């Protein structure tokens, strides 16, 4: 099982968004992924991120490649209500 996969919730470790959570939306290649917060929820907008700047968590949401920010936000809010 790969640590970085679509739907994996990660914490950014570098840059101005360090310490904030994001979700991997797409995998570009072995070094980069597309991650989204989404911005309304965590302050991280959708962008290309180096995987060396991400710390994967055990959390994973069930999404498909290139899921919209609105769908991700709804799933994350639903997960928060469960816990």
C-alpha atoms as a PDB file:
ATOM      1  CA  UNK A   1       0.000   0.000   0.000  1.00  0.00           C
ATOM      2  CA  UNK A   2       1.359   3.360  -0.999  1.00  0.00           C
ATOM      3  CA  UNK A   3       1.398   6.090   1.647  1.00  0.00           C
ATOM      4  CA  UNK A   4       0.509   8.790  -0.884  1.00  0.00           C
ATOM      5  CA  UNK A   5      -2.670   7.841  -2.735  1.00  0.00           C
ATOM      6  CA  UNK A   6      -5.811   9.552  -3.973  1.00  0.00           C
ATOM      7  CA  UNK A   7      -8.021  10.409  -1.019  1.00  0.00           C
ATOM      8  CA  UNK A   8      -5.221  10.316   1.579  1.00  0.00           C
ATOM      9  CA  UNK A   9      -5.422  13.118   4.146  1.00  0.00           C
ATOM     10  CA  UNK A  10      -1.987  14.688   4.691  1.00  0.00           C
ATOM     11  CA  UNK A  11      -0.412  17.466   6.729  1.00  0.00           C
ATOM     12  CA  UNK A  12       1.755  19.995   4.884  1.00  0.00           C
ATOM     13  CA  UNK A  13       5.210  20.267   6.468  1.00  0.00           C
ATOM     14  CA  UNK A  14       6.770  23.095   4.428  1.00  0.00           C
ATOM     15  CA  UNK A  15       5.799  26.562   3.255  1.00  0.00           C
ATOM     16  CA  UNK A  16       3.237  29.072   4.444  1.00  0.00           C
ATOM     17  CA  UNK A  17       0.618  26.336   4.785  1.00  0.00           C
ATOM     18  CA  UNK A  18       2.768  24.161   7.081  1.00  0.00           C
ATOM     19  CA  UNK A  19       0.717  22.363   9.712  1.00  0.00           C
ATOM     20  CA  UNK A  20      -2.537  22.463   7.738  1.00  0.00           C
ATOM     21  CA  UNK A  21      -4.394  19.409   6.490  1.00  0.00           C
ATOM     22  CA  UNK A  22      -5.085  18.645   2.831  1.00  0.00           C
ATOM     23  CA  UNK A  23      -6.383  15.804   0.662  1.00  0.00           C
ATOM     24  CA  UNK A  24      -4.523  14.241  -2.283  1.00  0.00           C
ATOM     25  CA  UNK A  25      -6.780  14.667  -5.330  1.00  0.00           C
ATOM     26  CA  UNK A  26      -4.514  13.443  -8.151  1.00  0.00           C
ATOM     27  CA  UNK A  27      -1.036  11.980  -8.590  1.00  0.00           C
ATOM     28  CA  UNK A  28       1.083  13.690 -11.258  1.00  0.00           C
ATOM     29  CA  UNK A  29       4.272  11.604 -11.060  1.00  0.00           C
ATOM     30  CA  UNK A  30       6.593  10.094  -8.452  1.00  0.00           C
ATOM     31  CA  UNK A  31       7.439  13.548  -7.003  1.00  0.00           C
ATOM     32  CA  UNK A  32       4.269  15.640  -7.273  1.00  0.00           C
ATOM     33  CA  UNK A  33       0.567  15.400  -6.442  1.00  0.00           C
ATOM     34  CA  UNK A  34      -2.412  17.723  -6.673  1.00  0.00           C
ATOM     35  CA  UNK A  35      -3.675  18.544  -3.174  1.00  0.00           C
ATOM     36  CA  UNK A  36      -6.671  20.520  -1.984  1.00  0.00           C
ATOM     37  CA  UNK A  37      -7.804  21.661   1.456  1.00  0.00           C
ATOM     38  CA  UNK A  38     -10.403  22.728   0.243  1.00  0.00           C
ATOM     39  CA  UNK A  39      -9.715  26.439   0.762  1.00  0.00           C
ATOM     40  CA  UNK A  40     -13.036  27.193   2.522  1.00  0.00           C
ATOM     41  CA  UNK A  41     -12.351  24.485   5.105  1.00  0.00           C
ATOM     42  CA  UNK A  42      -8.588  24.513   5.758  1.00  0.00           C
ATOM     43  CA  UNK A  43      -7.200  27.461   3.808  1.00  0.00           C
ATOM     44  CA  UNK A  44      -5.263  25.353   1.300  1.00  0.00           C
ATOM     45  CA  UNK A  45      -6.271  25.907  -2.313  1.00  0.00           C
ATOM     46  CA  UNK A  46      -5.889  23.233  -4.982  1.00  0.00           C
ATOM     47  CA  UNK A  47      -2.295  23.158  -6.234  1.00  0.00           C
ATOM     48  CA  UNK A  48       0.667  20.988  -7.174  1.00  0.00           C
ATOM     49  CA  UNK A  49       2.615  19.843  -4.115  1.00  0.00           C
ATOM     50  CA  UNK A  50       5.936  18.034  -3.746  1.00  0.00           C
ATOM     51  CA  UNK A  51       5.342  14.765  -1.861  1.00  0.00           C
ATOM     52  CA  UNK A  52       8.417  15.487   0.266  1.00  0.00           C
ATOM     53  CA  UNK A  53       6.432  18.397   1.737  1.00  0.00           C
ATOM     54  CA  UNK A  54       3.543  16.167   2.869  1.00  0.00           C
ATOM     55  CA  UNK A  55       3.169  13.962   5.935  1.00  0.00           C
ATOM     56  CA  UNK A  56       0.467  11.328   5.279  1.00  0.00           C
ATOM     57  CA  UNK A  57      -1.978  10.512   8.080  1.00  0.00           C
ATOM     58  CA  UNK A  58      -3.916   7.294   8.607  1.00  0.00           C
ATOM     59  CA  UNK A  59      -7.107   9.013   7.452  1.00  0.00           C
ATOM     60  CA  UNK A  60      -8.381   8.354   3.951  1.00  0.00           C
ATOM     61  CA  UNK A  61     -11.589   9.447   2.281  1.00  0.00           C
ATOM     62  CA  UNK A  62     -13.170   7.588  -0.587  1.00  0.00           C
ATOM     63  CA  UNK A  63     -12.903   9.887  -3.631  1.00  0.00           C
ATOM     64  CA  UNK A  64     -12.203   9.537  -7.322  1.00  0.00           C
ATOM     65  CA  UNK A  65      -9.464  11.309  -9.254  1.00  0.00           C
ATOM     66  CA  UNK A  66     -10.048  15.087  -9.681  1.00  0.00           C
ATOM     67  CA  UNK A  67     -13.022  15.258  -7.300  1.00  0.00           C
ATOM     68  CA  UNK A  68     -14.315  18.807  -6.861  1.00  0.00           C
ATOM     69  CA  UNK A  69     -13.594  20.860  -3.742  1.00  0.00           C
ATOM     70  CA  UNK A  70     -17.303  20.967  -2.868  1.00  0.00           C
ATOM     71  CA  UNK A  71     -17.544  17.151  -2.814  1.00  0.00           C
ATOM     72  CA  UNK A  72     -14.370  16.879  -0.725  1.00  0.00           C
ATOM     73  CA  UNK A  73     -15.687  19.465   1.744  1.00  0.00           C
ATOM     74  CA  UNK A  74     -18.968  17.572   2.137  1.00  0.00           C
ATOM     75  CA  UNK A  75     -17.156  14.276   2.765  1.00  0.00           C
ATOM     76  CA  UNK A  76     -14.767  15.807   5.318  1.00  0.00           C
ATOM     77  CA  UNK A  77     -17.625  17.516   7.178  1.00  0.00           C
ATOM     78  CA  UNK A  78     -19.530  14.228   7.241  1.00  0.00           C
ATOM     79  CA  UNK A  79     -16.441  12.457   8.668  1.00  0.00           C
ATOM     80  CA  UNK A  80     -16.087  15.127  11.394  1.00  0.00           C
ATOM     81  CA  UNK A  81     -19.715  14.590  12.464  1.00  0.00           C
ATOM     82  CA  UNK A  82     -19.055  10.854  12.902  1.00  0.00           C
ATOM     83  CA  UNK A  83     -16.238  11.454  15.363  1.00  0.00           C
END
